[in-house]
PDB file of all heavy atoms in Angstrom:
ATOM      1  N   VAL A   1     -10.747  -0.233  21.958  1.00  0.00           N
ATOM      2  CA  VAL A   1      -9.368  -0.685  22.283  1.00  0.00           C
ATOM      3  C   VAL A   1      -9.160  -2.079  21.676  1.00  0.00           C
ATOM      4  O   VAL A   1      -9.934  -2.980  21.720  1.00  0.00           O
ATOM      5  CB  VAL A   1      -9.144  -0.830  23.771  1.00  0.00           C
ATOM      6  CG1 VAL A   1      -7.738  -1.369  24.082  1.00  0.00           C
ATOM      7  CG2 VAL A   1      -9.377   0.533  24.495  1.00  0.00           C
ATOM      8  N   VAL A   2      -8.013  -2.154  20.777  1.00  0.00           N
ATOM      9  CA  VAL A   2      -7.678  -3.448  20.258  1.00  0.00           C
ATOM     10  C   VAL A   2      -6.242  -3.864  20.730  1.00  0.00           C
ATOM     11  O   VAL A   2      -5.387  -3.043  20.990  1.00  0.00           O
ATOM     12  CB  VAL A   2      -7.633  -3.320  18.771  1.00  0.00           C
ATOM     13  CG1 VAL A   2      -8.981  -3.085  18.128  1.00  0.00           C
ATOM     14  CG2 VAL A   2      -6.650  -2.163  18.252  1.00  0.00           C
ATOM     15  N   SER A   3      -6.138  -5.144  20.911  1.00  0.00           N
ATOM     16  CA  SER A   3      -4.808  -5.564  21.432  1.00  0.00           C
ATOM     17  C   SER A   3      -3.762  -5.870  20.369  1.00  0.00           C
ATOM     18  O   SER A   3      -4.145  -5.877  19.080  1.00  0.00           O
ATOM     19  CB  SER A   3      -5.101  -6.995  22.178  1.00  0.00           C
ATOM     20  OG  SER A   3      -5.494  -7.983  21.232  1.00  0.00           O
ATOM     21  N   LYS A   4      -2.609  -6.007  20.722  1.00  0.00           N
ATOM     22  CA  LYS A   4      -1.551  -6.349  19.671  1.00  0.00           C
ATOM     23  C   LYS A   4      -1.899  -7.574  18.928  1.00  0.00           C
ATOM     24  O   LYS A   4      -1.596  -7.699  17.735  1.00  0.00           O
ATOM     25  CB  LYS A   4      -0.079  -6.514  20.421  1.00  0.00           C
ATOM     26  CG  LYS A   4       0.501  -5.339  20.955  1.00  0.00           C
ATOM     27  CD  LYS A   4       1.796  -5.560  21.585  1.00  0.00           C
ATOM     28  CE  LYS A   4       2.519  -4.346  22.090  1.00  0.00           C
ATOM     29  NZ  LYS A   4       3.892  -4.636  22.652  1.00  0.00           N
ATOM     30  N   SER A   5      -2.366  -8.557  19.654  1.00  0.00           N
ATOM     31  CA  SER A   5      -2.699  -9.862  18.994  1.00  0.00           C
ATOM     32  C   SER A   5      -3.752  -9.737  17.945  1.00  0.00           C
ATOM     33  O   SER A   5      -3.787 -10.328  16.855  1.00  0.00           O
ATOM     34  CB  SER A   5      -3.100 -10.975  19.913  1.00  0.00           C
ATOM     35  OG  SER A   5      -4.246 -10.519  20.682  1.00  0.00           O
ATOM     36  N   GLU A   6      -4.778  -8.860  18.311  1.00  0.00           N
ATOM     37  CA  GLU A   6      -5.753  -8.626  17.198  1.00  0.00           C
ATOM     38  C   GLU A   6      -5.223  -7.862  16.002  1.00  0.00           C
ATOM     39  O   GLU A   6      -5.615  -8.126  14.877  1.00  0.00           O
ATOM     40  CB  GLU A   6      -6.885  -7.683  17.767  1.00  0.00           C
ATOM     41  CG  GLU A   6      -7.824  -8.307  18.894  1.00  0.00           C
ATOM     42  CD  GLU A   6      -8.834  -7.454  19.434  1.00  0.00           C
ATOM     43  OE1 GLU A   6      -8.437  -6.705  20.363  1.00  0.00           O
ATOM     44  OE2 GLU A   6      -9.934  -7.462  18.877  1.00  0.00           O
ATOM     45  N   VAL A   7      -4.276  -6.945  16.244  1.00  0.00           N
ATOM     46  CA  VAL A   7      -3.737  -6.192  15.121  1.00  0.00           C
ATOM     47  C   VAL A   7      -2.885  -7.261  14.323  1.00  0.00           C
ATOM     48  O   VAL A   7      -3.006  -7.214  13.052  1.00  0.00           O
ATOM     49  CB  VAL A   7      -2.837  -5.092  15.633  1.00  0.00           C
ATOM     50  CG1 VAL A   7      -2.045  -4.430  14.443  1.00  0.00           C
ATOM     51  CG2 VAL A   7      -3.584  -4.068  16.348  1.00  0.00           C
ATOM     52  N   LEU A   8      -2.101  -8.038  14.985  1.00  0.00           N
ATOM     53  CA  LEU A   8      -1.264  -9.046  14.146  1.00  0.00           C
ATOM     54  C   LEU A   8      -2.129  -9.895  13.375  1.00  0.00           C
ATOM     55  O   LEU A   8      -1.852 -10.172  12.199  1.00  0.00           O
ATOM     56  CB  LEU A   8      -0.406  -9.852  15.157  1.00  0.00           C
ATOM     57  CG  LEU A   8       0.781  -9.042  15.808  1.00  0.00           C
ATOM     58  CD1 LEU A   8       1.384  -9.944  16.946  1.00  0.00           C
ATOM     59  CD2 LEU A   8       1.775  -8.661  14.713  1.00  0.00           C
ATOM     60  N   ARG A   9      -3.242 -10.466  13.900  1.00  0.00           N
ATOM     61  CA  ARG A   9      -4.123 -11.350  13.217  1.00  0.00           C
ATOM     62  C   ARG A   9      -4.688 -10.716  12.010  1.00  0.00           C
ATOM     63  O   ARG A   9      -4.924 -11.334  11.004  1.00  0.00           O
ATOM     64  CB  ARG A   9      -5.200 -11.929  14.113  1.00  0.00           C
ATOM     65  CG  ARG A   9      -4.772 -13.012  15.064  1.00  0.00           C
ATOM     66  CD  ARG A   9      -5.944 -13.732  15.623  1.00  0.00           C
ATOM     67  NE  ARG A   9      -6.935 -12.816  16.284  1.00  0.00           N
ATOM     68  CZ  ARG A   9      -6.758 -12.519  17.547  1.00  0.00           C
ATOM     69  NH1 ARG A   9      -5.921 -13.055  18.281  1.00  0.00           N
ATOM     70  NH2 ARG A   9      -7.692 -11.728  18.038  1.00  0.00           N
ATOM     71  N   SER A  10      -5.095  -9.448  12.133  1.00  0.00           N
ATOM     72  CA  SER A  10      -5.828  -8.732  11.094  1.00  0.00           C
ATOM     73  C   SER A  10      -4.911  -8.036  10.041  1.00  0.00           C
ATOM     74  O   SER A  10      -5.210  -8.039   8.830  1.00  0.00           O
ATOM     75  CB  SER A  10      -6.677  -7.751  11.618  1.00  0.00           C
ATOM     76  OG  SER A  10      -7.688  -8.335  12.526  1.00  0.00           O
ATOM     77  N   VAL A  11      -3.772  -7.561  10.426  1.00  0.00           N
ATOM     78  CA  VAL A  11      -2.876  -6.808   9.591  1.00  0.00           C
ATOM     79  C   VAL A  11      -1.720  -7.673   9.010  1.00  0.00           C
ATOM     80  O   VAL A  11      -1.290  -7.478   7.935  1.00  0.00           O
ATOM     81  CB  VAL A  11      -2.291  -5.617  10.324  1.00  0.00           C
ATOM     82  CG1 VAL A  11      -1.557  -4.687   9.404  1.00  0.00           C
ATOM     83  CG2 VAL A  11      -3.435  -4.671  10.782  1.00  0.00           C
ATOM     84  N   TRP A  12      -1.209  -8.560   9.853  1.00  0.00           N
ATOM     85  CA  TRP A  12      -0.185  -9.430   9.385  1.00  0.00           C
ATOM     86  C   TRP A  12      -0.990 -10.713   8.919  1.00  0.00           C
ATOM     87  O   TRP A  12      -1.677 -10.745   7.950  1.00  0.00           O
ATOM     88  CB  TRP A  12       0.879  -9.731  10.434  1.00  0.00           C
ATOM     89  CG  TRP A  12       1.893  -8.643  10.548  1.00  0.00           C
ATOM     90  CD1 TRP A  12       3.173  -8.745   9.985  1.00  0.00           C
ATOM     91  CD2 TRP A  12       1.729  -7.305  11.100  1.00  0.00           C
ATOM     92  NE1 TRP A  12       3.891  -7.566  10.217  1.00  0.00           N
ATOM     93  CE2 TRP A  12       3.078  -6.632  10.832  1.00  0.00           C
ATOM     94  CE3 TRP A  12       0.750  -6.627  11.635  1.00  0.00           C
ATOM     95  CZ2 TRP A  12       3.319  -5.374  11.257  1.00  0.00           C
ATOM     96  CZ3 TRP A  12       1.010  -5.309  12.119  1.00  0.00           C
ATOM     97  CH2 TRP A  12       2.216  -4.736  11.838  1.00  0.00           C
ATOM     98  N   ASP A  13      -0.889 -11.785   9.570  1.00  0.00           N
ATOM     99  CA  ASP A  13      -1.742 -13.031   9.430  1.00  0.00           C
ATOM    100  C   ASP A  13      -1.722 -13.888  10.593  1.00  0.00           C
ATOM    101  O   ASP A  13      -0.834 -13.763  11.468  1.00  0.00           O
ATOM    102  CB  ASP A  13      -1.359 -13.716   8.091  1.00  0.00           C
ATOM    103  CG  ASP A  13      -0.013 -14.279   8.066  1.00  0.00           C
ATOM    104  OD1 ASP A  13       0.368 -15.082   9.010  1.00  0.00           O
ATOM    105  OD2 ASP A  13       0.891 -13.861   7.284  1.00  0.00           O
ATOM    106  N   ALA A  14      -2.576 -14.908  10.526  1.00  0.00           N
ATOM    107  CA  ALA A  14      -2.728 -15.834  11.717  1.00  0.00           C
ATOM    108  C   ALA A  14      -1.401 -16.592  11.864  1.00  0.00           C
ATOM    109  O   ALA A  14      -1.277 -17.163  13.075  1.00  0.00           O
ATOM    110  CB  ALA A  14      -3.969 -16.675  11.528  1.00  0.00           C
ATOM    111  N   ASN A  15      -0.582 -16.754  10.973  1.00  0.00           N
ATOM    112  CA  ASN A  15       0.566 -17.568  11.095  1.00  0.00           C
ATOM    113  C   ASN A  15       1.803 -16.760  11.416  1.00  0.00           C
ATOM    114  O   ASN A  15       2.951 -17.349  11.538  1.00  0.00           O
ATOM    115  CB  ASN A  15       0.862 -18.325   9.723  1.00  0.00           C
ATOM    116  CG  ASN A  15      -0.344 -19.284   9.308  1.00  0.00           C
ATOM    117  OD1 ASN A  15      -0.762 -20.039  10.283  1.00  0.00           O
ATOM    118  ND2 ASN A  15      -0.743 -19.165   8.095  1.00  0.00           N
ATOM    119  N   TYR A  16       1.708 -15.548  11.660  1.00  0.00           N
ATOM    120  CA  TYR A  16       2.837 -14.693  12.032  1.00  0.00           C
ATOM    121  C   TYR A  16       3.416 -15.159  13.356  1.00  0.00           C
ATOM    122  O   TYR A  16       2.732 -15.303  14.273  1.00  0.00           O
ATOM    123  CB  TYR A  16       2.472 -13.184  12.125  1.00  0.00           C
ATOM    124  CG  TYR A  16       3.539 -12.348  12.547  1.00  0.00           C
ATOM    125  CD1 TYR A  16       4.496 -11.939  11.685  1.00  0.00           C
ATOM    126  CD2 TYR A  16       3.635 -11.814  13.913  1.00  0.00           C
ATOM    127  CE1 TYR A  16       5.576 -11.104  12.086  1.00  0.00           C
ATOM    128  CE2 TYR A  16       4.687 -11.008  14.314  1.00  0.00           C
ATOM    129  CZ  TYR A  16       5.629 -10.735  13.433  1.00  0.00           C
ATOM    130  OH  TYR A  16       6.632  -9.780  13.820  1.00  0.00           O
ATOM    131  N   ARG A  17       4.722 -15.503  13.344  1.00  0.00           N
ATOM    132  CA  ARG A  17       5.372 -15.894  14.597  1.00  0.00           C
ATOM    133  C   ARG A  17       6.494 -15.018  15.092  1.00  0.00           C
ATOM    134  O   ARG A  17       7.231 -15.430  15.869  1.00  0.00           O
ATOM    135  CB  ARG A  17       6.050 -17.290  14.327  1.00  0.00           C
ATOM    136  CG  ARG A  17       4.856 -18.409  13.996  1.00  0.00           C
ATOM    137  CD  ARG A  17       4.055 -18.641  15.292  1.00  0.00           C
ATOM    138  NE  ARG A  17       2.972 -19.661  15.093  1.00  0.00           N
ATOM    139  CZ  ARG A  17       1.825 -19.341  14.600  1.00  0.00           C
ATOM    140  NH1 ARG A  17       1.362 -18.068  14.482  1.00  0.00           N
ATOM    141  NH2 ARG A  17       0.877 -20.250  14.497  1.00  0.00           N
ATOM    142  N   GLY A  18       6.531 -13.837  14.537  1.00  0.00           N
ATOM    143  CA  GLY A  18       7.624 -12.875  14.958  1.00  0.00           C
ATOM    144  C   GLY A  18       7.250 -12.160  16.315  1.00  0.00           C
ATOM    145  O   GLY A  18       6.324 -12.486  16.933  1.00  0.00           O
ATOM    146  N   ASP A  19       8.122 -11.150  16.630  1.00  0.00           N
ATOM    147  CA  ASP A  19       7.941 -10.499  17.901  1.00  0.00           C
ATOM    148  C   ASP A  19       6.790  -9.569  17.734  1.00  0.00           C
ATOM    149  O   ASP A  19       6.595  -8.775  16.781  1.00  0.00           O
ATOM    150  CB  ASP A  19       9.234  -9.582  18.104  1.00  0.00           C
ATOM    151  CG  ASP A  19       9.287  -8.952  19.479  1.00  0.00           C
ATOM    152  OD1 ASP A  19       8.215  -8.820  20.078  1.00  0.00           O
ATOM    153  OD2 ASP A  19      10.338  -8.700  19.884  1.00  0.00           O
ATOM    154  N   ASP A  20       5.930  -9.556  18.761  1.00  0.00           N
ATOM    155  CA  ASP A  20       4.650  -8.777  18.713  1.00  0.00           C
ATOM    156  C   ASP A  20       4.907  -7.274  18.914  1.00  0.00           C
ATOM    157  O   ASP A  20       4.127  -6.422  18.640  1.00  0.00           O
ATOM    158  CB  ASP A  20       3.535  -9.209  19.744  1.00  0.00           C
ATOM    159  CG  ASP A  20       3.944  -9.079  21.055  1.00  0.00           C
ATOM    160  OD1 ASP A  20       5.052  -8.480  21.409  1.00  0.00           O
ATOM    161  OD2 ASP A  20       3.252  -9.459  22.014  1.00  0.00           O
ATOM    162  N   ASN A  21       6.272  -6.878  19.209  1.00  0.00           N
ATOM    163  CA  ASN A  21       6.629  -5.523  19.361  1.00  0.00           C
ATOM    164  C   ASN A  21       6.642  -4.786  17.923  1.00  0.00           C
ATOM    165  O   ASN A  21       6.737  -3.608  17.911  1.00  0.00           O
ATOM    166  CB  ASN A  21       8.026  -5.448  19.936  1.00  0.00           C
ATOM    167  CG  ASN A  21       7.989  -5.685  21.514  1.00  0.00           C
ATOM    168  OD1 ASN A  21       6.921  -5.401  22.042  1.00  0.00           O
ATOM    169  ND2 ASN A  21       8.999  -6.056  22.034  1.00  0.00           N
ATOM    170  N   ILE A  22       6.477  -5.655  16.843  1.00  0.00           N
ATOM    171  CA  ILE A  22       6.480  -4.986  15.536  1.00  0.00           C
ATOM    172  C   ILE A  22       5.158  -4.108  15.453  1.00  0.00           C
ATOM    173  O   ILE A  22       5.136  -3.111  14.801  1.00  0.00           O
ATOM    174  CB  ILE A  22       6.288  -6.097  14.495  1.00  0.00           C
ATOM    175  CG1 ILE A  22       6.458  -5.468  13.072  1.00  0.00           C
ATOM    176  CG2 ILE A  22       5.035  -6.928  14.530  1.00  0.00           C
ATOM    177  CD1 ILE A  22       7.814  -5.001  12.768  1.00  0.00           C
ATOM    178  N   VAL A  23       4.153  -4.381  16.249  1.00  0.00           N
ATOM    179  CA  VAL A  23       3.018  -3.523  16.315  1.00  0.00           C
ATOM    180  C   VAL A  23       3.330  -2.134  16.889  1.00  0.00           C
ATOM    181  O   VAL A  23       2.886  -1.091  16.302  1.00  0.00           O
ATOM    182  CB  VAL A  23       1.885  -4.135  17.226  1.00  0.00           C
ATOM    183  CG1 VAL A  23       0.654  -3.106  17.317  1.00  0.00           C
ATOM    184  CG2 VAL A  23       1.429  -5.464  16.588  1.00  0.00           C
ATOM    185  N   GLU A  24       4.128  -2.081  17.925  1.00  0.00           N
ATOM    186  CA  GLU A  24       4.608  -0.837  18.457  1.00  0.00           C
ATOM    187  C   GLU A  24       5.340  -0.051  17.426  1.00  0.00           C
ATOM    188  O   GLU A  24       5.228   1.123  17.397  1.00  0.00           O
ATOM    189  CB  GLU A  24       5.508  -1.110  19.673  1.00  0.00           C
ATOM    190  CG  GLU A  24       4.690  -1.667  20.946  1.00  0.00           C
ATOM    191  CD  GLU A  24       5.657  -1.863  22.041  1.00  0.00           C
ATOM    192  OE1 GLU A  24       6.675  -1.226  22.149  1.00  0.00           O
ATOM    193  OE2 GLU A  24       5.411  -2.762  22.976  1.00  0.00           O
ATOM    194  N   VAL A  25       6.183  -0.674  16.674  1.00  0.00           N
ATOM    195  CA  VAL A  25       7.028  -0.036  15.713  1.00  0.00           C
ATOM    196  C   VAL A  25       6.163   0.554  14.686  1.00  0.00           C
ATOM    197  O   VAL A  25       6.315   1.798  14.365  1.00  0.00           O
ATOM    198  CB  VAL A  25       7.994  -1.031  15.006  1.00  0.00           C
ATOM    199  CG1 VAL A  25       8.701  -0.410  13.782  1.00  0.00           C
ATOM    200  CG2 VAL A  25       8.954  -1.657  15.978  1.00  0.00           C
ATOM    201  N   TYR A  26       5.078  -0.120  14.257  1.00  0.00           N
ATOM    202  CA  TYR A  26       4.282   0.455  13.158  1.00  0.00           C
ATOM    203  C   TYR A  26       3.286   1.576  13.728  1.00  0.00           C
ATOM    204  O   TYR A  26       2.864   2.497  13.028  1.00  0.00           O
ATOM    205  CB  TYR A  26       3.453  -0.687  12.414  1.00  0.00           C
ATOM    206  CG  TYR A  26       4.291  -1.125  11.295  1.00  0.00           C
ATOM    207  CD1 TYR A  26       5.259  -2.215  11.491  1.00  0.00           C
ATOM    208  CD2 TYR A  26       4.249  -0.534  10.017  1.00  0.00           C
ATOM    209  CE1 TYR A  26       5.974  -2.711  10.407  1.00  0.00           C
ATOM    210  CE2 TYR A  26       4.950  -1.065   8.993  1.00  0.00           C
ATOM    211  CZ  TYR A  26       5.862  -2.170   9.241  1.00  0.00           C
ATOM    212  OH  TYR A  26       6.706  -2.569   8.125  1.00  0.00           O
ATOM    213  N   VAL A  27       2.891   1.449  15.037  1.00  0.00           N
ATOM    214  CA  VAL A  27       2.161   2.556  15.705  1.00  0.00           C
ATOM    215  C   VAL A  27       3.031   3.722  15.604  1.00  0.00           C
ATOM    216  O   VAL A  27       2.564   4.918  15.281  1.00  0.00           O
ATOM    217  CB  VAL A  27       1.780   2.138  17.037  1.00  0.00           C
ATOM    218  CG1 VAL A  27       1.269   3.384  17.831  1.00  0.00           C
ATOM    219  CG2 VAL A  27       0.710   1.071  17.077  1.00  0.00           C
ATOM    220  N   SER A  28       4.324   3.652  15.949  1.00  0.00           N
ATOM    221  CA  SER A  28       5.258   4.851  15.892  1.00  0.00           C
ATOM    222  C   SER A  28       5.292   5.396  14.424  1.00  0.00           C
ATOM    223  O   SER A  28       5.323   6.618  14.297  1.00  0.00           O
ATOM    224  CB  SER A  28       6.692   4.360  16.280  1.00  0.00           C
ATOM    225  OG  SER A  28       7.527   5.438  16.270  1.00  0.00           O
ATOM    226  N   TYR A  29       5.434   4.489  13.383  1.00  0.00           N
ATOM    227  CA  TYR A  29       5.431   4.929  12.056  1.00  0.00           C
ATOM    228  C   TYR A  29       4.197   5.735  11.742  1.00  0.00           C
ATOM    229  O   TYR A  29       4.322   6.817  11.094  1.00  0.00           O
ATOM    230  CB  TYR A  29       5.648   3.845  11.047  1.00  0.00           C
ATOM    231  CG  TYR A  29       6.932   3.091  11.181  1.00  0.00           C
ATOM    232  CD1 TYR A  29       6.974   1.813  10.671  1.00  0.00           C
ATOM    233  CD2 TYR A  29       8.048   3.617  11.670  1.00  0.00           C
ATOM    234  CE1 TYR A  29       8.255   1.081  10.556  1.00  0.00           C
ATOM    235  CE2 TYR A  29       9.255   2.950  11.653  1.00  0.00           C
ATOM    236  CZ  TYR A  29       9.333   1.708  11.145  1.00  0.00           C
ATOM    237  OH  TYR A  29      10.565   0.992  11.115  1.00  0.00           O
ATOM    238  N   LEU A  30       3.069   5.212  12.100  1.00  0.00           N
ATOM    239  CA  LEU A  30       1.816   5.882  11.764  1.00  0.00           C
ATOM    240  C   LEU A  30       1.736   7.203  12.442  1.00  0.00           C
ATOM    241  O   LEU A  30       1.243   8.185  11.858  1.00  0.00           O
ATOM    242  CB  LEU A  30       0.680   4.995  12.133  1.00  0.00           C
ATOM    243  CG  LEU A  30       0.078   3.972  11.155  1.00  0.00           C
ATOM    244  CD1 LEU A  30      -1.026   3.130  11.795  1.00  0.00           C
ATOM    245  CD2 LEU A  30      -0.328   4.633   9.861  1.00  0.00           C
ATOM    246  N   ARG A  31       2.088   7.348  13.766  1.00  0.00           N
ATOM    247  CA  ARG A  31       1.986   8.539  14.414  1.00  0.00           C
ATOM    248  C   ARG A  31       2.781   9.640  13.686  1.00  0.00           C
ATOM    249  O   ARG A  31       2.301  10.833  13.639  1.00  0.00           O
ATOM    250  CB  ARG A  31       2.375   8.458  15.796  1.00  0.00           C
ATOM    251  CG  ARG A  31       1.433   7.794  16.755  1.00  0.00           C
ATOM    252  CD  ARG A  31       1.946   7.408  18.098  1.00  0.00           C
ATOM    253  NE  ARG A  31       0.921   6.881  19.034  1.00  0.00           N
ATOM    254  CZ  ARG A  31       1.145   6.073  20.118  1.00  0.00           C
ATOM    255  NH1 ARG A  31       2.374   5.758  20.363  1.00  0.00           N
ATOM    256  NH2 ARG A  31       0.144   5.773  20.908  1.00  0.00           N
ATOM    257  N   LYS A  32       3.973   9.167  13.167  1.00  0.00           N
ATOM    258  CA  LYS A  32       4.840  10.225  12.290  1.00  0.00           C
ATOM    259  C   LYS A  32       4.195  10.624  11.169  1.00  0.00           C
ATOM    260  O   LYS A  32       4.552  11.687  10.609  1.00  0.00           O
ATOM    261  CB  LYS A  32       6.185   9.609  12.290  1.00  0.00           C
ATOM    262  CG  LYS A  32       7.017   9.396  13.522  1.00  0.00           C
ATOM    263  CD  LYS A  32       8.302   8.706  13.182  1.00  0.00           C
ATOM    264  CE  LYS A  32       9.125   8.487  14.556  1.00  0.00           C
ATOM    265  NZ  LYS A  32      10.304   7.699  14.205  1.00  0.00           N
ATOM    266  N   ARG A  33       3.230   9.889  10.595  1.00  0.00           N
ATOM    267  CA  ARG A  33       2.700  10.159   9.372  1.00  0.00           C
ATOM    268  C   ARG A  33       1.289  10.921   9.522  1.00  0.00           C
ATOM    269  O   ARG A  33       1.092  12.025   8.791  1.00  0.00           O
ATOM    270  CB  ARG A  33       2.237   8.914   8.532  1.00  0.00           C
ATOM    271  CG  ARG A  33       3.479   8.034   8.256  1.00  0.00           C
ATOM    272  CD  ARG A  33       4.286   8.431   7.160  1.00  0.00           C
ATOM    273  NE  ARG A  33       5.197   7.438   6.741  1.00  0.00           N
ATOM    274  CZ  ARG A  33       6.378   7.196   7.266  1.00  0.00           C
ATOM    275  NH1 ARG A  33       6.837   7.910   8.380  1.00  0.00           N
ATOM    276  NH2 ARG A  33       7.211   6.183   6.817  1.00  0.00           N
ATOM    277  N   ILE A  34       0.535  10.493  10.510  1.00  0.00           N
ATOM    278  CA  ILE A  34      -0.886  11.133  10.435  1.00  0.00           C
ATOM    279  C   ILE A  34      -1.048  11.971  11.716  1.00  0.00           C
ATOM    280  O   ILE A  34      -2.062  12.715  11.776  1.00  0.00           O
ATOM    281  CB  ILE A  34      -1.931   9.973  10.642  1.00  0.00           C
ATOM    282  CG1 ILE A  34      -1.849   9.110  11.848  1.00  0.00           C
ATOM    283  CG2 ILE A  34      -1.809   9.084   9.313  1.00  0.00           C
ATOM    284  CD1 ILE A  34      -2.974   8.162  12.032  1.00  0.00           C
ATOM    285  N   ASP A  35      -0.190  11.969  12.673  1.00  0.00           N
ATOM    286  CA  ASP A  35      -0.424  12.661  13.947  1.00  0.00           C
ATOM    287  C   ASP A  35       0.608  13.922  14.195  1.00  0.00           C
ATOM    288  O   ASP A  35       0.194  15.073  14.206  1.00  0.00           O
ATOM    289  CB  ASP A  35      -0.402  11.891  15.146  1.00  0.00           C
ATOM    290  CG  ASP A  35      -1.673  11.062  15.405  1.00  0.00           C
ATOM    291  OD1 ASP A  35      -2.697  11.430  14.718  1.00  0.00           O
ATOM    292  OD2 ASP A  35      -1.732  10.211  16.196  1.00  0.00           O
ATOM    293  N   VAL A  36       1.885  13.550  14.194  1.00  0.00           N
ATOM    294  CA  VAL A  36       2.871  14.484  14.586  1.00  0.00           C
ATOM    295  C   VAL A  36       2.897  15.753  13.762  1.00  0.00           C
ATOM    296  O   VAL A  36       2.892  16.902  14.234  1.00  0.00           O
ATOM    297  CB  VAL A  36       4.268  13.827  14.627  1.00  0.00           C
ATOM    298  CG1 VAL A  36       5.352  14.837  14.935  1.00  0.00           C
ATOM    299  CG2 VAL A  36       4.275  12.769  15.754  1.00  0.00           C
ATOM    300  N   PRO A  37       2.857  15.551  12.279  1.00  0.00           N
ATOM    301  CA  PRO A  37       2.943  16.814  11.504  1.00  0.00           C
ATOM    302  C   PRO A  37       1.810  17.707  11.659  1.00  0.00           C
ATOM    303  O   PRO A  37       1.747  18.890  11.261  1.00  0.00           O
ATOM    304  CB  PRO A  37       2.982  16.168  10.123  1.00  0.00           C
ATOM    305  CG  PRO A  37       3.455  14.807  10.208  1.00  0.00           C
ATOM    306  CD  PRO A  37       2.833  14.331  11.503  1.00  0.00           C
ATOM    307  N   PHE A  38       0.647  17.212  12.206  1.00  0.00           N
ATOM    308  CA  PHE A  38      -0.613  18.006  12.335  1.00  0.00           C
ATOM    309  C   PHE A  38      -0.920  18.422  13.812  1.00  0.00           C
ATOM    310  O   PHE A  38      -1.979  18.897  14.010  1.00  0.00           O
ATOM    311  CB  PHE A  38      -1.811  17.221  11.692  1.00  0.00           C
ATOM    312  CG  PHE A  38      -1.509  16.742  10.337  1.00  0.00           C
ATOM    313  CD1 PHE A  38      -0.958  15.580   9.996  1.00  0.00           C
ATOM    314  CD2 PHE A  38      -1.819  17.680   9.214  1.00  0.00           C
ATOM    315  CE1 PHE A  38      -0.710  15.173   8.707  1.00  0.00           C
ATOM    316  CE2 PHE A  38      -1.585  17.305   7.961  1.00  0.00           C
ATOM    317  CZ  PHE A  38      -1.046  16.077   7.600  1.00  0.00           C
ATOM    318  N   GLY A  39      -0.080  18.042  14.710  1.00  0.00           N
ATOM    319  CA  GLY A  39      -0.356  18.349  16.122  1.00  0.00           C
ATOM    320  C   GLY A  39      -1.576  17.554  16.666  1.00  0.00           C
ATOM    321  O   GLY A  39      -2.245  17.980  17.494  1.00  0.00           O
TER     322      GLY A  39
END
C-alpha cells in the first residue's frame, strides 16, 4: 500500500504544491486504460 504523498514525491516531485487529489484523478485514468477494458 502506498500513500498519496508517496505517489506525489515519486511521480511528480518533492516540490509539488498542488492538490493531492490529482493522484485520484490519475488512478481513475489508469483504471480506464489497464483495468476497465479487460475486466
